[in-house]
Amino acid sequence: MLERNTPLVTLVVEDDLSFLKILEIRLRGWYPNLDLTVAHSLSKAREWLEKKDFELLILDQHLPDGIGSTLLSHPGCNKCAVMALSADDSPELPGNAVRAGATHFLGKRQITEPLFTPLLEAILARKQLEMAIVERQLSESRLKTIKVLLATLRHEINNPLGAVLGGTYLMRSAGKLGESQIEALRLIEDSSHRIKHVLERLCETADLEEVTKGTEKVFHVPGDDPWS
């Protein structure tokens, strides 16, 4: 169901002023909180699509500067539920409009019938569902990218970090170090462990699978080959 207390941002592309008045009355009777923009041509509609994001597009098919369905290639239409309208009874017109990207097609006579507003509700709900699916797919794709980047980061940091810690251990083992040298080694070791701790927290945030190798915690990225 639509949230009636929020504006429904709507673009109507229609050049018949008499029909436009009837359509606006019908729309406002269905959805009083309507944020309505009207364009009388395709060129004006394109200008509006550049300036503003719309949720609903009601699109006549015969306009002074072309066929309405050609507007649907504009990127601004991607997030709109699109109701294509026409008084033309040509049998190919509905199919052409839907193939071009319209969500539904109605003859102009049908806007006064009871089916009009339930259809608007349905195409808006469908578009909201489509957008939610797209957003979820984008989120999953971003998470996969983050996991790949973390796997690379873990490898690229842990290798030199291991060399740094190994080097400090050898220097300590050699003995005959002054206080300033011992303090410098302690600082290097503490900083290295801090880097390792931050890397582990990053991996935990990305929900990577924790694996123990010996006494050291490391993280396995789902999809990577298992460690032996």
Protein backbone atom coordinates (compact mmCIF):
# COMPACT_ATOMS: atom_id res chain seq x y z
CA MET A 1 0.00 0.00 0.00
CA LEU A 2 1.13 3.56 -0.71
CA GLU A 3 2.04 5.97 2.07
CA ARG A 4 -0.68 8.56 1.44
CA ASN A 5 0.92 11.12 3.74
CA THR A 6 3.96 11.49 1.46
CA PRO A 7 3.91 13.31 -1.90
CA LEU A 8 3.68 11.11 -4.97
CA VAL A 9 6.05 12.77 -7.44
CA THR A 10 4.33 12.40 -10.81
CA LEU A 11 5.08 13.50 -14.36
CA VAL A 12 2.22 13.59 -16.88
CA VAL A 13 3.20 13.95 -20.53
CA GLU A 14 0.04 14.95 -22.39
CA ASP A 15 -0.81 17.59 -25.00
CA ASP A 16 -4.64 17.28 -24.95
CA LEU A 17 -5.68 19.94 -22.41
CA SER A 18 -9.26 18.68 -22.08
CA PHE A 19 -8.12 15.16 -21.34
CA LEU A 20 -5.45 16.52 -19.00
CA LYS A 21 -8.09 18.20 -16.82
CA ILE A 22 -10.05 14.95 -16.49
CA LEU A 23 -6.87 13.02 -15.73
CA GLU A 24 -5.76 15.47 -13.04
CA ILE A 25 -9.16 15.32 -11.32
CA ARG A 26 -8.97 11.52 -11.37
CA LEU A 27 -5.42 11.49 -10.00
CA ARG A 28 -6.07 13.98 -7.22
CA GLY A 29 -9.22 12.15 -6.20
CA TRP A 30 -7.15 9.00 -5.83
CA TYR A 31 -4.06 10.59 -4.30
CA PRO A 32 -4.68 14.08 -2.82
CA ASN A 33 -1.03 14.60 -1.85
CA LEU A 34 0.09 14.62 -5.47
CA ASP A 35 3.23 16.43 -6.58
CA LEU A 36 2.22 16.88 -10.21
CA THR A 37 4.36 18.11 -13.09
CA VAL A 38 2.92 18.42 -16.62
CA ALA A 39 4.81 18.41 -19.92
CA HIS A 40 3.04 18.97 -23.24
CA SER A 41 5.84 17.56 -25.40
CA LEU A 42 8.64 15.01 -25.31
CA SER A 43 11.30 17.72 -25.32
CA LYS A 44 9.77 19.37 -22.25
CA ALA A 45 9.43 15.99 -20.56
CA ARG A 46 13.14 15.32 -21.11
CA GLU A 47 13.94 18.68 -19.53
CA TRP A 48 11.94 17.74 -16.45
CA LEU A 49 13.56 14.32 -16.23
CA GLU A 50 16.95 16.06 -16.12
CA LYS A 51 15.83 18.27 -13.23
CA LYS A 52 13.73 16.03 -11.02
CA ASP A 53 13.24 12.41 -9.91
CA PHE A 54 9.75 11.02 -10.51
CA GLU A 55 7.97 7.99 -9.05
CA LEU A 56 5.10 7.81 -11.54
CA LEU A 57 5.10 8.69 -15.23
CA ILE A 58 1.84 8.87 -17.18
CA LEU A 59 2.71 9.04 -20.85
CA ASP A 60 0.58 9.79 -23.89
CA GLN A 61 1.74 8.01 -27.03
CA HIS A 62 1.01 10.65 -29.69
CA LEU A 63 2.74 13.94 -28.91
CA PRO A 64 3.63 16.95 -31.09
CA ASP A 65 7.29 15.94 -31.35
CA GLY A 66 7.11 12.17 -31.49
CA ILE A 67 5.88 8.87 -30.07
CA GLY A 68 5.68 8.78 -26.28
CA SER A 69 7.40 5.42 -25.84
CA THR A 70 10.65 6.88 -27.22
CA LEU A 71 10.93 8.86 -23.98
CA LEU A 72 11.42 5.63 -22.02
CA SER A 73 15.04 5.30 -23.14
CA HIS A 74 15.85 8.34 -20.97
CA PRO A 75 17.73 7.30 -17.78
CA GLY A 76 15.34 9.41 -15.71
CA CYS A 77 12.57 6.89 -16.47
CA ASN A 78 14.41 3.96 -14.88
CA LYS A 79 12.98 4.55 -11.41
CA CYS A 80 9.46 5.45 -12.57
CA ALA A 81 6.38 3.28 -12.69
CA VAL A 82 5.13 4.05 -16.22
CA MET A 83 1.50 4.08 -17.32
CA ALA A 84 1.27 4.51 -21.09
CA LEU A 85 -1.98 5.97 -22.41
CA SER A 86 -3.47 6.50 -25.85
CA ALA A 87 -6.78 7.11 -27.58
CA ASP A 88 -5.35 5.22 -30.56
CA ASP A 89 -6.81 1.70 -30.86
CA SER A 90 -3.95 0.40 -33.04
CA PRO A 91 -3.29 -3.19 -31.84
CA GLU A 92 0.49 -2.84 -32.01
CA LEU A 93 0.62 0.26 -29.77
CA PRO A 94 0.31 -1.45 -26.34
CA GLY A 95 2.99 -4.02 -27.18
CA ASN A 96 5.35 -1.36 -28.49
CA ALA A 97 4.92 0.74 -25.35
CA VAL A 98 5.52 -2.18 -22.99
CA ARG A 99 8.53 -3.37 -24.97
CA ALA A 100 9.96 0.14 -24.74
CA GLY A 101 9.69 0.03 -20.93
CA ALA A 102 6.14 0.97 -19.94
CA THR A 103 4.84 -0.92 -16.92
CA HIS A 104 1.29 -0.99 -18.27
CA PHE A 105 -0.85 0.39 -21.10
CA LEU A 106 -4.41 1.72 -21.01
CA GLY A 107 -6.75 3.30 -23.50
CA LYS A 108 -7.64 6.85 -22.53
CA ARG A 109 -11.30 5.94 -22.11
CA GLN A 110 -10.34 3.61 -19.28
CA ILE A 111 -9.08 6.30 -16.90
CA THR A 112 -12.69 6.92 -15.79
CA GLU A 113 -13.25 3.23 -15.07
CA PRO A 114 -12.81 1.63 -11.60
CA LEU A 115 -9.75 -0.34 -12.74
CA PHE A 116 -7.63 2.81 -13.24
CA THR A 117 -6.59 3.55 -9.66
CA PRO A 118 -6.00 -0.10 -8.63
CA LEU A 119 -3.72 -0.41 -11.66
CA LEU A 120 -1.78 2.67 -10.57
CA GLU A 121 -1.42 1.15 -7.08
CA ALA A 122 -0.22 -2.11 -8.61
CA ILE A 123 2.39 -0.65 -10.96
CA LEU A 124 3.79 1.55 -8.18
CA ALA A 125 4.03 -1.44 -5.84
CA ARG A 126 5.71 -3.47 -8.57
CA LYS A 127 8.25 -0.72 -9.25
CA GLN A 128 9.02 -0.41 -5.53
CA LEU A 129 9.64 -4.17 -5.40
CA GLU A 130 11.86 -4.03 -8.50
CA MET A 131 13.91 -1.19 -7.01
CA ALA A 132 14.27 -3.07 -3.71
CA ILE A 133 15.56 -6.13 -5.58
CA VAL A 134 18.03 -4.01 -7.55
CA GLU A 135 19.25 -2.34 -4.35
CA ARG A 136 19.70 -5.71 -2.66
CA GLN A 137 21.67 -7.02 -5.64
CA LEU A 138 23.88 -3.91 -5.53
CA SER A 139 24.45 -4.37 -1.81
CA GLU A 140 25.41 -8.02 -2.30
CA SER A 141 27.76 -7.03 -5.11
CA ARG A 142 29.38 -4.37 -2.92
CA LEU A 143 29.84 -6.88 -0.10
CA LYS A 144 31.48 -9.38 -2.44
CA THR A 145 33.82 -6.64 -3.67
CA ILE A 146 34.68 -5.68 -0.08
CA LYS A 147 35.45 -9.30 0.78
CA VAL A 148 37.74 -9.65 -2.22
CA LEU A 149 39.51 -6.40 -1.32
CA LEU A 150 39.90 -7.49 2.30
CA ALA A 151 41.29 -10.84 1.21
CA THR A 152 43.86 -9.01 -0.93
CA LEU A 153 44.58 -6.53 1.85
CA ARG A 154 45.05 -9.31 4.39
CA HIS A 155 47.54 -11.06 2.12
CA GLU A 156 49.43 -7.90 1.16
CA ILE A 157 49.69 -6.68 4.77
CA ASN A 158 50.25 -9.95 6.62
CA ASN A 159 53.23 -10.96 4.48
CA PRO A 160 55.35 -7.83 5.10
CA LEU A 161 54.04 -7.65 8.66
CA GLY A 162 55.35 -11.15 9.29
CA ALA A 163 58.73 -10.07 7.93
CA VAL A 164 58.78 -7.02 10.21
CA LEU A 165 57.93 -9.06 13.32
CA GLY A 166 60.43 -11.73 12.32
CA GLY A 167 63.13 -9.08 11.90
CA THR A 168 62.46 -7.58 15.32
CA TYR A 169 62.66 -11.03 16.89
CA LEU A 170 66.05 -11.69 15.28
CA MET A 171 67.37 -8.33 16.44
CA ARG A 172 66.25 -9.02 20.00
CA SER A 173 67.85 -12.47 19.86
CA ALA A 174 71.16 -11.00 18.77
CA GLY A 175 71.48 -9.18 22.12
CA LYS A 176 73.80 -6.26 22.95
CA LEU A 177 71.10 -3.65 22.28
CA GLY A 178 70.96 -0.26 23.89
CA GLU A 179 67.87 1.10 25.63
CA SER A 180 66.91 3.29 22.68
CA GLN A 181 67.18 0.32 20.31
CA ILE A 182 65.07 -1.88 22.59
CA GLU A 183 62.47 0.89 22.82
CA ALA A 184 62.44 1.24 19.02
CA LEU A 185 61.90 -2.51 18.62
CA ARG A 186 59.07 -2.42 21.16
CA LEU A 187 57.44 0.42 19.23
CA ILE A 188 57.74 -1.52 15.95
CA GLU A 189 56.23 -4.65 17.52
CA ASP A 190 53.38 -2.75 19.18
CA SER A 191 52.58 -0.91 15.94
CA SER A 192 52.65 -4.18 13.98
CA HIS A 193 50.26 -5.86 16.40
CA ARG A 194 48.00 -2.82 16.23
CA ILE A 195 47.88 -3.05 12.43
CA LYS A 196 47.08 -6.76 12.72
CA HIS A 197 44.30 -6.04 15.22
CA VAL A 198 42.71 -3.44 12.91
CA LEU A 199 42.87 -5.88 9.98
CA GLU A 200 41.15 -8.57 12.04
CA ARG A 201 38.37 -6.17 13.04
CA LEU A 202 37.87 -5.24 9.38
CA CYS A 203 37.52 -8.90 8.49
CA GLU A 204 35.04 -9.42 11.33
CA THR A 205 32.97 -6.48 10.11
CA ALA A 206 32.76 -8.06 6.66
CA ASP A 207 31.64 -11.31 8.32
CA LEU A 208 34.52 -13.38 6.98
CA GLU A 209 34.84 -16.92 8.23
CA GLU A 210 37.32 -17.20 11.11
CA VAL A 211 39.93 -19.94 10.85
CA THR A 212 42.70 -20.89 13.27
CA LYS A 213 46.13 -21.88 12.00
CA GLY A 214 48.29 -22.99 14.89
CA THR A 215 47.81 -20.36 17.60
CA GLU A 216 47.13 -17.51 15.18
CA LYS A 217 43.67 -16.32 14.13
CA VAL A 218 43.28 -15.66 10.45
CA PHE A 219 40.22 -15.20 8.24
CA HIS A 220 39.00 -17.23 5.32
CA VAL A 221 36.98 -15.56 2.58
CA PRO A 222 33.94 -17.63 1.53
CA GLY A 223 34.53 -18.92 -1.98
CA ASP A 224 38.33 -19.09 -1.62
CA ASP A 225 40.02 -22.48 -1.86
CA PRO A 226 40.15 -24.13 1.59
CA TRP A 227 43.45 -23.98 3.44
CA SER A 228 45.21 -27.26 4.06
